């Protein structure tokens, strides 16, 4: 959880977006990249 108050600020959303994208990079996309062939990675 990023927001510290009842009001969610633009900064909270930006911080949450960065954290969410980092999580995707290290799990969701990493699994798919690990399964890809060298040819698929190069394109």
PDB file of N, CA and C in Angstrom:
ATOM      1  N   UNK A   1       0.856  -1.174   0.000  1.00  0.00           N
ATOM      2  CA  UNK A   1       0.000   0.000   0.000  1.00  0.00           C
ATOM      3  C   UNK A   1       0.900   1.235   0.000  1.00  0.00           C
ATOM      4  N   UNK A   2       0.553   2.170  -0.857  1.00  0.00           N
ATOM      5  CA  UNK A   2       1.385   3.342  -1.021  1.00  0.00           C
ATOM      6  C   UNK A   2       0.797   4.558  -0.324  1.00  0.00           C
ATOM      7  N   UNK A   3      -0.501   4.741  -0.431  1.00  0.00           N
ATOM      8  CA  UNK A   3      -1.141   5.924   0.156  1.00  0.00           C
ATOM      9  C   UNK A   3      -1.133   5.830   1.675  1.00  0.00           C
ATOM     10  N   UNK A   4      -0.840   6.953   2.317  1.00  0.00           N
ATOM     11  CA  UNK A   4      -0.798   6.994   3.775  1.00  0.00           C
ATOM     12  C   UNK A   4      -2.001   7.702   4.375  1.00  0.00           C
ATOM     13  N   UNK A   5      -2.941   8.086   3.552  1.00  0.00           N
ATOM     14  CA  UNK A   5      -4.081   8.869   3.995  1.00  0.00           C
ATOM     15  C   UNK A   5      -5.319   8.400   3.235  1.00  0.00           C
ATOM     16  N   UNK A   6      -6.465   8.945   3.581  1.00  0.00           N
ATOM     17  CA  UNK A   6      -7.697   8.600   2.872  1.00  0.00           C
ATOM     18  C   UNK A   6      -7.703   9.174   1.460  1.00  0.00           C
ATOM     19  N   UNK A   7      -6.968  10.235   1.256  1.00  0.00           N
ATOM     20  CA  UNK A   7      -6.890  10.870  -0.052  1.00  0.00           C
ATOM     21  C   UNK A   7      -5.681  10.309  -0.790  1.00  0.00           C
ATOM     22  N   UNK A   8      -5.922   9.813  -2.008  1.00  0.00           N
ATOM     23  CA  UNK A   8      -4.845   9.286  -2.833  1.00  0.00           C
ATOM     24  C   UNK A   8      -4.366  10.406  -3.741  1.00  0.00           C
ATOM     25  N   UNK A   9      -3.087  10.706  -3.652  1.00  0.00           N
ATOM     26  CA  UNK A   9      -2.521  11.791  -4.449  1.00  0.00           C
ATOM     27  C   UNK A   9      -1.921  11.260  -5.746  1.00  0.00           C
ATOM     28  N   UNK A  10      -1.614  12.177  -6.643  1.00  0.00           N
ATOM     29  CA  UNK A  10      -0.952  11.801  -7.886  1.00  0.00           C
ATOM     30  C   UNK A  10       0.393  11.136  -7.578  1.00  0.00           C
ATOM     31  N   UNK A  11       1.091  11.633  -6.589  1.00  0.00           N
ATOM     32  CA  UNK A  11       2.366  11.027  -6.185  1.00  0.00           C
ATOM     33  C   UNK A  11       2.190   9.592  -5.724  1.00  0.00           C
ATOM     34  N   UNK A  12       1.099   9.320  -4.989  1.00  0.00           N
ATOM     35  CA  UNK A  12       0.809   7.946  -4.562  1.00  0.00           C
ATOM     36  C   UNK A  12       0.610   7.030  -5.766  1.00  0.00           C
ATOM     37  N   UNK A  13      -0.123   7.527  -6.749  1.00  0.00           N
ATOM     38  CA  UNK A  13      -0.393   6.739  -7.961  1.00  0.00           C
ATOM     39  C   UNK A  13       0.903   6.484  -8.725  1.00  0.00           C
ATOM     40  N   UNK A  14       1.731   7.501  -8.857  1.00  0.00           N
ATOM     41  CA  UNK A  14       3.006   7.334  -9.558  1.00  0.00           C
ATOM     42  C   UNK A  14       3.911   6.342  -8.839  1.00  0.00           C
ATOM     43  N   UNK A  15       3.966   6.416  -7.522  1.00  0.00           N
ATOM     44  CA  UNK A  15       4.775   5.468  -6.747  1.00  0.00           C
ATOM     45  C   UNK A  15       4.233   4.052  -6.888  1.00  0.00           C
ATOM     46  N   UNK A  16       2.926   3.912  -6.835  1.00  0.00           N
ATOM     47  CA  UNK A  16       2.310   2.593  -6.957  1.00  0.00           C
ATOM     48  C   UNK A  16       2.554   2.022  -8.351  1.00  0.00           C
ATOM     49  N   UNK A  17       2.482   2.870  -9.361  1.00  0.00           N
ATOM     50  CA  UNK A  17       2.719   2.424 -10.733  1.00  0.00           C
ATOM     51  C   UNK A  17       4.135   1.887 -10.875  1.00  0.00           C
ATOM     52  N   UNK A  18       5.106   2.598 -10.353  1.00  0.00           N
ATOM     53  CA  UNK A  18       6.499   2.142 -10.412  1.00  0.00           C
ATOM     54  C   UNK A  18       6.668   0.797  -9.715  1.00  0.00           C
ATOM     55  N   UNK A  19       6.081   0.663  -8.546  1.00  0.00           N
ATOM     56  CA  UNK A  19       6.185  -0.590  -7.786  1.00  0.00           C
ATOM     57  C   UNK A  19       5.494  -1.731  -8.520  1.00  0.00           C
ATOM     58  N   UNK A  20       4.326  -1.458  -9.096  1.00  0.00           N
ATOM     59  CA  UNK A  20       3.570  -2.482  -9.823  1.00  0.00           C
ATOM     60  C   UNK A  20       4.336  -2.942 -11.060  1.00  0.00           C
ATOM     61  N   UNK A  21       4.894  -2.005 -11.806  1.00  0.00           N
ATOM     62  CA  UNK A  21       5.656  -2.372 -12.992  1.00  0.00           C
ATOM     63  C   UNK A  21       6.907  -3.172 -12.626  1.00  0.00           C
ATOM     64  N   UNK A  22       7.543  -2.830 -11.528  1.00  0.00           N
ATOM     65  CA  UNK A  22       8.715  -3.581 -11.078  1.00  0.00           C
ATOM     66  C   UNK A  22       8.338  -5.013 -10.724  1.00  0.00           C
ATOM     67  N   UNK A  23       7.183  -5.181 -10.082  1.00  0.00           N
ATOM     68  CA  UNK A  23       6.708  -6.533  -9.751  1.00  0.00           C
ATOM     69  C   UNK A  23       6.448  -7.338 -11.014  1.00  0.00           C
ATOM     70  N   UNK A  24       5.816  -6.710 -12.008  1.00  0.00           N
ATOM     71  CA  UNK A  24       5.567  -7.391 -13.281  1.00  0.00           C
ATOM     72  C   UNK A  24       6.877  -7.797 -13.944  1.00  0.00           C
ATOM     73  N   UNK A  25       7.840  -6.912 -13.938  1.00  0.00           N
ATOM     74  CA  UNK A  25       9.127  -7.198 -14.563  1.00  0.00           C
ATOM     75  C   UNK A  25       9.811  -8.393 -13.919  1.00  0.00           C
ATOM     76  N   UNK A  26       9.730  -8.507 -12.611  1.00  0.00           N
ATOM     77  CA  UNK A  26      10.457  -9.585 -11.937  1.00  0.00           C
ATOM     78  C   UNK A  26       9.684 -10.884 -11.848  1.00  0.00           C
ATOM     79  N   UNK A  27       8.396 -10.887 -12.188  1.00  0.00           N
ATOM     80  CA  UNK A  27       7.649 -12.142 -12.125  1.00  0.00           C
ATOM     81  C   UNK A  27       6.984 -12.466 -13.455  1.00  0.00           C
ATOM     82  N   UNK A  28       5.960 -11.761 -13.801  1.00  0.00           N
ATOM     83  CA  UNK A  28       5.154 -12.054 -14.988  1.00  0.00           C
ATOM     84  C   UNK A  28       6.005 -12.099 -16.261  1.00  0.00           C
ATOM     85  N   UNK A  29       6.737 -11.033 -16.523  1.00  0.00           N
ATOM     86  CA  UNK A  29       7.504 -10.965 -17.756  1.00  0.00           C
ATOM     87  C   UNK A  29       8.758 -11.825 -17.702  1.00  0.00           C
ATOM     88  N   UNK A  30       9.358 -11.967 -16.535  1.00  0.00           N
ATOM     89  CA  UNK A  30      10.571 -12.783 -16.403  1.00  0.00           C
ATOM     90  C   UNK A  30      10.277 -14.239 -16.764  1.00  0.00           C
ATOM     91  N   UNK A  31       9.155 -14.765 -16.337  1.00  0.00           N
ATOM     92  CA  UNK A  31       8.786 -16.152 -16.652  1.00  0.00           C
ATOM     93  C   UNK A  31       8.674 -16.326 -18.161  1.00  0.00           C
ATOM     94  N   UNK A  32       8.025 -15.383 -18.820  1.00  0.00           N
ATOM     95  CA  UNK A  32       7.859 -15.485 -20.266  1.00  0.00           C
ATOM     96  C   UNK A  32       9.189 -15.336 -20.999  1.00  0.00           C
ATOM     97  N   UNK A  33      10.021 -14.440 -20.514  1.00  0.00           N
ATOM     98  CA  UNK A  33      11.328 -14.269 -21.132  1.00  0.00           C
ATOM     99  C   UNK A  33      12.180 -15.525 -20.961  1.00  0.00           C
ATOM    100  N   UNK A  34      12.099 -16.150 -19.818  1.00  0.00           N
ATOM    101  CA  UNK A  34      12.865 -17.376 -19.581  1.00  0.00           C
ATOM    102  C   UNK A  34      12.423 -18.507 -20.495  1.00  0.00           C
ATOM    103  N   UNK A  35      11.174 -18.498 -20.930  1.00  0.00           N
ATOM    104  CA  UNK A  35      10.644 -19.546 -21.814  1.00  0.00           C
ATOM    105  C   UNK A  35      10.877 -19.245 -23.286  1.00  0.00           C
ATOM    106  N   UNK A  36      11.253 -18.032 -23.618  1.00  0.00           N
ATOM    107  CA  UNK A  36      11.419 -17.626 -25.016  1.00  0.00           C
ATOM    108  C   UNK A  36      12.707 -18.194 -25.598  1.00  0.00           C
ATOM    109  N   UNK A  37      12.673 -18.429 -26.902  1.00  0.00           N
ATOM    110  CA  UNK A  37      13.877 -18.862 -27.605  1.00  0.00           C
ATOM    111  C   UNK A  37      14.744 -17.640 -27.886  1.00  0.00           C
ATOM    112  N   UNK A  38      15.981 -17.867 -28.257  1.00  0.00           N
ATOM    113  CA  UNK A  38      16.882 -16.763 -28.608  1.00  0.00           C
ATOM    114  C   UNK A  38      16.330 -15.957 -29.791  1.00  0.00           C
ATOM    115  N   UNK A  39      15.722 -16.622 -30.745  1.00  0.00           N
ATOM    116  CA  UNK A  39      15.134 -15.938 -31.892  1.00  0.00           C
ATOM    117  C   UNK A  39      13.983 -15.029 -31.449  1.00  0.00           C
ATOM    118  N   UNK A  40      13.157 -15.507 -30.545  1.00  0.00           N
ATOM    119  CA  UNK A  40      12.045 -14.687 -30.049  1.00  0.00           C
ATOM    120  C   UNK A  40      12.545 -13.481 -29.267  1.00  0.00           C
ATOM    121  N   UNK A  41      13.622 -13.652 -28.524  1.00  0.00           N
ATOM    122  CA  UNK A  41      14.170 -12.557 -27.729  1.00  0.00           C
ATOM    123  C   UNK A  41      14.785 -11.494 -28.636  1.00  0.00           C
ATOM    124  N   UNK A  42      15.405 -11.915 -29.725  1.00  0.00           N
ATOM    125  CA  UNK A  42      16.091 -10.993 -30.624  1.00  0.00           C
ATOM    126  C   UNK A  42      15.125 -10.126 -31.429  1.00  0.00           C
ATOM    127  N   UNK A  43      13.884 -10.541 -31.570  1.00  0.00           N
ATOM    128  CA  UNK A  43      12.939  -9.754 -32.386  1.00  0.00           C
ATOM    129  C   UNK A  43      12.093  -8.843 -31.583  1.00  0.00           C
TER     130      UNK A  43
END
